[in-house]
N, C-alpha and C. Protein backbone atom coordinates (compact mmCIF):
# COMPACT_ATOMS: atom_id res chain seq x y z
N UNK A 1 -3.26 -38.88 14.73
CA UNK A 1 -4.29 -38.52 13.76
C UNK A 1 -4.86 -37.13 14.03
N UNK A 2 -5.01 -36.82 15.31
CA UNK A 2 -5.54 -35.52 15.69
C UNK A 2 -4.59 -34.40 15.29
N UNK A 3 -3.30 -34.63 15.42
CA UNK A 3 -2.31 -33.62 15.05
C UNK A 3 -2.29 -33.41 13.53
N UNK A 4 -2.45 -34.48 12.77
CA UNK A 4 -2.47 -34.36 11.32
C UNK A 4 -3.67 -33.54 10.87
N UNK A 5 -4.83 -33.77 11.46
CA UNK A 5 -6.02 -32.99 11.11
C UNK A 5 -5.85 -31.52 11.49
N UNK A 6 -5.20 -31.26 12.61
CA UNK A 6 -4.97 -29.86 12.99
C UNK A 6 -4.05 -29.18 11.99
N UNK A 7 -3.01 -29.86 11.54
CA UNK A 7 -2.11 -29.26 10.55
C UNK A 7 -2.81 -29.04 9.22
N UNK A 8 -3.65 -29.98 8.81
CA UNK A 8 -4.43 -29.78 7.58
C UNK A 8 -5.33 -28.57 7.73
N UNK A 9 -5.95 -28.44 8.87
CA UNK A 9 -6.81 -27.29 9.14
C UNK A 9 -6.01 -25.99 9.10
N UNK A 10 -4.85 -25.97 9.74
CA UNK A 10 -4.03 -24.77 9.76
C UNK A 10 -3.59 -24.38 8.36
N UNK A 11 -3.19 -25.36 7.55
CA UNK A 11 -2.70 -25.07 6.21
C UNK A 11 -3.81 -24.57 5.29
N UNK A 12 -5.00 -25.17 5.38
CA UNK A 12 -6.09 -24.69 4.53
C UNK A 12 -6.54 -23.29 4.94
N UNK A 13 -6.57 -23.02 6.23
CA UNK A 13 -6.94 -21.67 6.68
C UNK A 13 -5.88 -20.66 6.24
N UNK A 14 -4.62 -21.02 6.36
CA UNK A 14 -3.54 -20.11 5.97
C UNK A 14 -3.55 -19.87 4.46
N UNK A 15 -3.72 -20.92 3.67
CA UNK A 15 -3.76 -20.76 2.22
C UNK A 15 -4.99 -19.96 1.79
N UNK A 16 -6.13 -20.21 2.42
CA UNK A 16 -7.34 -19.45 2.11
C UNK A 16 -7.19 -17.99 2.47
N UNK A 17 -6.56 -17.71 3.60
CA UNK A 17 -6.33 -16.32 4.00
C UNK A 17 -5.36 -15.64 3.03
N UNK A 18 -4.38 -16.39 2.53
CA UNK A 18 -3.46 -15.83 1.54
C UNK A 18 -4.18 -15.48 0.24
N UNK A 19 -5.08 -16.35 -0.19
CA UNK A 19 -5.85 -16.05 -1.40
C UNK A 19 -6.76 -14.83 -1.19
N UNK A 20 -7.38 -14.74 -0.03
CA UNK A 20 -8.23 -13.58 0.25
C UNK A 20 -7.40 -12.30 0.31
N UNK A 21 -6.19 -12.39 0.84
CA UNK A 21 -5.31 -11.22 0.88
C UNK A 21 -4.90 -10.79 -0.52
N UNK A 22 -4.53 -11.74 -1.36
CA UNK A 22 -4.17 -11.37 -2.73
C UNK A 22 -5.36 -10.79 -3.49
N UNK A 23 -6.56 -11.28 -3.21
CA UNK A 23 -7.75 -10.71 -3.84
C UNK A 23 -7.97 -9.28 -3.39
N UNK A 24 -7.76 -9.01 -2.11
CA UNK A 24 -7.95 -7.65 -1.60
C UNK A 24 -6.91 -6.70 -2.19
N UNK A 25 -5.67 -7.15 -2.31
CA UNK A 25 -4.63 -6.32 -2.92
C UNK A 25 -4.95 -6.07 -4.39
N UNK A 26 -5.44 -7.09 -5.08
CA UNK A 26 -5.76 -6.94 -6.50
C UNK A 26 -6.92 -5.98 -6.72
N UNK A 27 -7.87 -5.97 -5.83
CA UNK A 27 -9.00 -5.04 -5.95
C UNK A 27 -8.50 -3.60 -5.89
N UNK A 28 -7.52 -3.35 -5.06
CA UNK A 28 -6.98 -2.00 -4.92
C UNK A 28 -6.06 -1.65 -6.10
N UNK A 29 -5.32 -2.62 -6.60
CA UNK A 29 -4.28 -2.34 -7.59
C UNK A 29 -4.75 -2.39 -9.05
N UNK A 30 -5.77 -3.19 -9.37
CA UNK A 30 -6.17 -3.34 -10.76
C UNK A 30 -6.80 -2.06 -11.29
N UNK A 31 -6.62 -1.77 -12.60
CA UNK A 31 -7.00 -0.45 -13.12
C UNK A 31 -8.48 -0.25 -13.43
N UNK A 32 -9.19 -1.30 -13.82
CA UNK A 32 -10.58 -1.07 -14.26
C UNK A 32 -11.53 -2.01 -13.54
N UNK A 33 -12.81 -1.77 -13.74
CA UNK A 33 -13.84 -2.51 -13.01
C UNK A 33 -13.87 -3.98 -13.36
N UNK A 34 -13.68 -4.32 -14.62
CA UNK A 34 -13.75 -5.73 -15.01
C UNK A 34 -12.61 -6.54 -14.41
N UNK A 35 -11.44 -5.97 -14.34
CA UNK A 35 -10.31 -6.67 -13.70
C UNK A 35 -10.54 -6.79 -12.20
N UNK A 36 -11.05 -5.76 -11.60
CA UNK A 36 -11.35 -5.81 -10.16
C UNK A 36 -12.44 -6.82 -9.85
N UNK A 37 -13.40 -6.92 -10.75
CA UNK A 37 -14.48 -7.89 -10.55
C UNK A 37 -13.92 -9.30 -10.56
N UNK A 38 -12.99 -9.59 -11.44
CA UNK A 38 -12.35 -10.90 -11.49
C UNK A 38 -11.62 -11.18 -10.17
N UNK A 39 -10.90 -10.19 -9.67
CA UNK A 39 -10.17 -10.37 -8.41
C UNK A 39 -11.12 -10.49 -7.22
N UNK A 40 -12.27 -9.87 -7.32
CA UNK A 40 -13.20 -9.92 -6.19
C UNK A 40 -13.96 -11.23 -6.12
N UNK A 41 -14.07 -11.95 -7.22
CA UNK A 41 -14.88 -13.17 -7.19
C UNK A 41 -14.05 -14.44 -7.09
N UNK A 42 -13.13 -14.65 -7.99
CA UNK A 42 -12.47 -15.97 -8.05
C UNK A 42 -11.59 -16.27 -6.84
N UNK A 43 -10.52 -15.52 -6.57
CA UNK A 43 -9.69 -15.91 -5.44
C UNK A 43 -10.38 -15.68 -4.10
N UNK A 44 -11.27 -14.71 -4.03
CA UNK A 44 -11.96 -14.46 -2.77
C UNK A 44 -12.87 -15.63 -2.39
N UNK A 45 -13.60 -16.16 -3.36
CA UNK A 45 -14.50 -17.28 -3.09
C UNK A 45 -13.72 -18.55 -2.75
N UNK A 46 -12.67 -18.82 -3.52
CA UNK A 46 -11.86 -20.01 -3.24
C UNK A 46 -11.18 -19.87 -1.87
N UNK A 47 -10.71 -18.68 -1.54
CA UNK A 47 -10.11 -18.46 -0.23
C UNK A 47 -11.11 -18.67 0.90
N UNK A 48 -12.32 -18.18 0.73
CA UNK A 48 -13.34 -18.38 1.75
C UNK A 48 -13.70 -19.85 1.91
N UNK A 49 -13.81 -20.57 0.80
CA UNK A 49 -14.14 -21.99 0.88
C UNK A 49 -13.02 -22.75 1.59
N UNK A 50 -11.77 -22.42 1.30
CA UNK A 50 -10.66 -23.07 2.00
C UNK A 50 -10.67 -22.75 3.49
N UNK A 51 -10.96 -21.52 3.84
CA UNK A 51 -11.06 -21.16 5.26
C UNK A 51 -12.19 -21.92 5.93
N UNK A 52 -13.32 -22.06 5.24
CA UNK A 52 -14.45 -22.80 5.82
C UNK A 52 -14.13 -24.28 5.98
N UNK A 53 -13.38 -24.86 5.03
CA UNK A 53 -12.98 -26.26 5.15
C UNK A 53 -12.06 -26.43 6.35
N UNK A 54 -11.10 -25.53 6.48
CA UNK A 54 -10.20 -25.59 7.63
C UNK A 54 -10.93 -25.41 8.95
N UNK A 55 -11.90 -24.52 8.99
CA UNK A 55 -12.68 -24.32 10.21
C UNK A 55 -13.54 -25.54 10.52
N UNK A 56 -14.08 -26.17 9.48
CA UNK A 56 -14.90 -27.38 9.69
C UNK A 56 -14.06 -28.52 10.23
N UNK A 57 -12.83 -28.65 9.73
CA UNK A 57 -11.94 -29.70 10.26
C UNK A 57 -11.57 -29.39 11.71
N UNK A 58 -11.33 -28.13 12.00
CA UNK A 58 -10.94 -27.74 13.36
C UNK A 58 -12.12 -27.88 14.33
N UNK A 59 -13.33 -27.61 13.88
CA UNK A 59 -14.50 -27.61 14.76
C UNK A 59 -15.32 -28.89 14.65
N UNK A 60 -14.75 -29.96 14.12
CA UNK A 60 -15.51 -31.20 13.96
C UNK A 60 -16.07 -31.64 15.31
N UNK A 61 -17.30 -32.07 15.28
CA UNK A 61 -17.97 -32.49 16.50
C UNK A 61 -18.72 -31.37 17.20
N UNK A 62 -18.51 -30.14 16.79
CA UNK A 62 -19.23 -29.01 17.38
C UNK A 62 -20.66 -29.01 16.84
N UNK A 63 -21.64 -28.68 17.67
CA UNK A 63 -23.04 -28.77 17.19
C UNK A 63 -23.39 -27.81 16.04
N UNK A 64 -22.68 -26.71 15.90
CA UNK A 64 -23.03 -25.74 14.87
C UNK A 64 -22.11 -25.78 13.66
N UNK A 65 -21.37 -26.85 13.47
CA UNK A 65 -20.46 -26.94 12.32
C UNK A 65 -21.22 -27.05 11.01
N UNK A 66 -22.49 -27.41 11.03
CA UNK A 66 -23.29 -27.53 9.81
C UNK A 66 -23.53 -26.18 9.16
N UNK A 67 -23.32 -25.07 9.89
CA UNK A 67 -23.50 -23.75 9.30
C UNK A 67 -22.41 -23.41 8.28
N UNK A 68 -21.23 -23.98 8.44
CA UNK A 68 -20.12 -23.66 7.55
C UNK A 68 -20.39 -24.07 6.10
N UNK A 69 -20.91 -25.28 5.82
CA UNK A 69 -21.24 -25.58 4.42
C UNK A 69 -22.35 -24.70 3.85
N UNK A 70 -23.26 -24.25 4.71
CA UNK A 70 -24.30 -23.35 4.22
C UNK A 70 -23.71 -22.00 3.79
N UNK A 71 -22.75 -21.50 4.55
CA UNK A 71 -22.09 -20.25 4.18
C UNK A 71 -21.35 -20.42 2.86
N UNK A 72 -20.63 -21.54 2.71
CA UNK A 72 -19.92 -21.80 1.46
C UNK A 72 -20.86 -21.94 0.28
N UNK A 73 -21.95 -22.63 0.45
CA UNK A 73 -22.92 -22.80 -0.62
C UNK A 73 -23.56 -21.48 -1.02
N UNK A 74 -23.92 -20.67 -0.02
CA UNK A 74 -24.49 -19.36 -0.31
C UNK A 74 -23.51 -18.50 -1.09
N UNK A 75 -22.24 -18.54 -0.72
CA UNK A 75 -21.23 -17.76 -1.43
C UNK A 75 -21.05 -18.27 -2.86
N UNK A 76 -21.01 -19.58 -3.03
CA UNK A 76 -20.83 -20.14 -4.37
C UNK A 76 -22.02 -19.86 -5.28
N UNK A 77 -23.20 -19.71 -4.70
CA UNK A 77 -24.39 -19.42 -5.51
C UNK A 77 -24.53 -17.94 -5.84
N UNK A 78 -24.11 -17.06 -4.94
CA UNK A 78 -24.34 -15.63 -5.15
C UNK A 78 -23.20 -14.91 -5.83
N UNK A 79 -21.96 -15.37 -5.71
CA UNK A 79 -20.81 -14.66 -6.29
C UNK A 79 -20.89 -14.54 -7.81
N UNK A 80 -21.25 -15.60 -8.55
CA UNK A 80 -21.36 -15.42 -10.01
C UNK A 80 -22.47 -14.46 -10.42
N UNK A 81 -23.58 -14.47 -9.72
CA UNK A 81 -24.68 -13.56 -10.06
C UNK A 81 -24.28 -12.11 -9.80
N UNK A 82 -23.61 -11.88 -8.70
CA UNK A 82 -23.17 -10.52 -8.38
C UNK A 82 -22.12 -10.05 -9.39
N UNK A 83 -21.19 -10.94 -9.75
CA UNK A 83 -20.16 -10.58 -10.73
C UNK A 83 -20.79 -10.26 -12.09
N UNK A 84 -21.80 -11.02 -12.46
CA UNK A 84 -22.50 -10.76 -13.72
C UNK A 84 -23.16 -9.39 -13.70
N UNK A 85 -23.84 -9.06 -12.62
CA UNK A 85 -24.51 -7.76 -12.53
C UNK A 85 -23.50 -6.61 -12.52
N UNK A 86 -22.39 -6.79 -11.83
CA UNK A 86 -21.36 -5.74 -11.82
C UNK A 86 -20.76 -5.57 -13.21
N UNK A 87 -20.52 -6.67 -13.90
CA UNK A 87 -19.98 -6.59 -15.25
C UNK A 87 -20.92 -5.90 -16.22
N UNK A 88 -22.20 -6.21 -16.14
CA UNK A 88 -23.18 -5.55 -17.02
C UNK A 88 -23.28 -4.06 -16.71
N UNK A 89 -23.26 -3.72 -15.43
CA UNK A 89 -23.33 -2.30 -15.05
C UNK A 89 -22.08 -1.56 -15.50
N UNK A 90 -20.92 -2.17 -15.34
CA UNK A 90 -19.67 -1.53 -15.78
C UNK A 90 -19.67 -1.35 -17.29
N UNK A 91 -20.18 -2.32 -18.02
CA UNK A 91 -20.26 -2.20 -19.47
C UNK A 91 -21.24 -1.10 -19.86
N UNK A 92 -22.38 -1.07 -19.21
CA UNK A 92 -23.41 -0.08 -19.54
C UNK A 92 -22.91 1.34 -19.28
N UNK A 93 -22.15 1.52 -18.20
CA UNK A 93 -21.62 2.85 -17.87
C UNK A 93 -20.27 3.11 -18.52
N UNK A 94 -19.81 2.20 -19.37
CA UNK A 94 -18.55 2.30 -20.10
C UNK A 94 -17.37 2.53 -19.16
N UNK A 95 -17.27 1.68 -18.16
CA UNK A 95 -16.19 1.76 -17.19
C UNK A 95 -15.07 0.76 -17.48
N UNK A 96 -14.93 0.35 -18.71
CA UNK A 96 -13.88 -0.60 -19.07
C UNK A 96 -12.83 0.12 -19.92
N UNK A 97 -11.67 -0.48 -20.01
CA UNK A 97 -10.59 0.09 -20.82
C UNK A 97 -10.92 -0.06 -22.30
N UNK A 98 -10.55 0.93 -23.07
CA UNK A 98 -10.75 0.86 -24.52
C UNK A 98 -9.84 -0.22 -25.09
N UNK A 99 -10.37 -0.99 -26.03
CA UNK A 99 -9.61 -2.05 -26.65
C UNK A 99 -9.57 -3.34 -25.84
N UNK A 100 -10.24 -3.37 -24.71
CA UNK A 100 -10.23 -4.56 -23.86
C UNK A 100 -11.14 -5.64 -24.44
N UNK A 101 -12.27 -5.24 -25.00
CA UNK A 101 -13.23 -6.20 -25.54
C UNK A 101 -12.96 -6.40 -27.03
N UNK A 102 -12.66 -7.63 -27.43
CA UNK A 102 -12.40 -7.92 -28.83
C UNK A 102 -13.70 -8.09 -29.60
N UNK A 103 -14.69 -8.71 -28.97
CA UNK A 103 -15.99 -8.92 -29.58
C UNK A 103 -17.03 -8.26 -28.69
N UNK A 104 -17.85 -7.42 -29.27
CA UNK A 104 -18.87 -6.71 -28.51
C UNK A 104 -20.20 -7.44 -28.67
N UNK A 105 -20.48 -8.38 -27.79
CA UNK A 105 -21.70 -9.17 -27.89
C UNK A 105 -22.91 -8.44 -27.32
N UNK A 106 -22.70 -7.40 -26.53
CA UNK A 106 -23.80 -6.70 -25.88
C UNK A 106 -24.10 -5.35 -26.53
N UNK A 107 -23.52 -5.08 -27.67
CA UNK A 107 -23.66 -3.77 -28.29
C UNK A 107 -25.11 -3.34 -28.49
N UNK A 108 -25.95 -4.22 -29.00
CA UNK A 108 -27.35 -3.86 -29.27
C UNK A 108 -28.26 -4.14 -28.09
N UNK A 109 -27.88 -5.08 -27.22
CA UNK A 109 -28.75 -5.49 -26.12
C UNK A 109 -28.85 -4.46 -25.00
N UNK A 110 -27.76 -3.77 -24.72
CA UNK A 110 -27.73 -2.86 -23.58
C UNK A 110 -28.43 -1.57 -23.87
N UNK A 111 -28.34 -1.09 -25.10
CA UNK A 111 -28.97 0.20 -25.44
C UNK A 111 -30.43 0.09 -25.36
């Protein structure tokens, strides 16, 4: 049973690190701010949560393992708010590709 839990821990950490790596590559490779924002939030957060789950399985019984869910919760609560603010700022400064937005819902609100 102990070996199975270790392998589950290794696989979740490895998969989470792979997602974080793809997010980092996408941030460098994507052309505009809105695409980079998507890459910075979704796979990065899921990768971090998977790494935290793997670390919690590996460190079970350790007195400070309760900090890992707090880190995950803090990330899950702050990542959407940060992405929203970055998206609004990018829109306000017109840092998006032309023709990317089909419907302009913020046209009158931002000015």
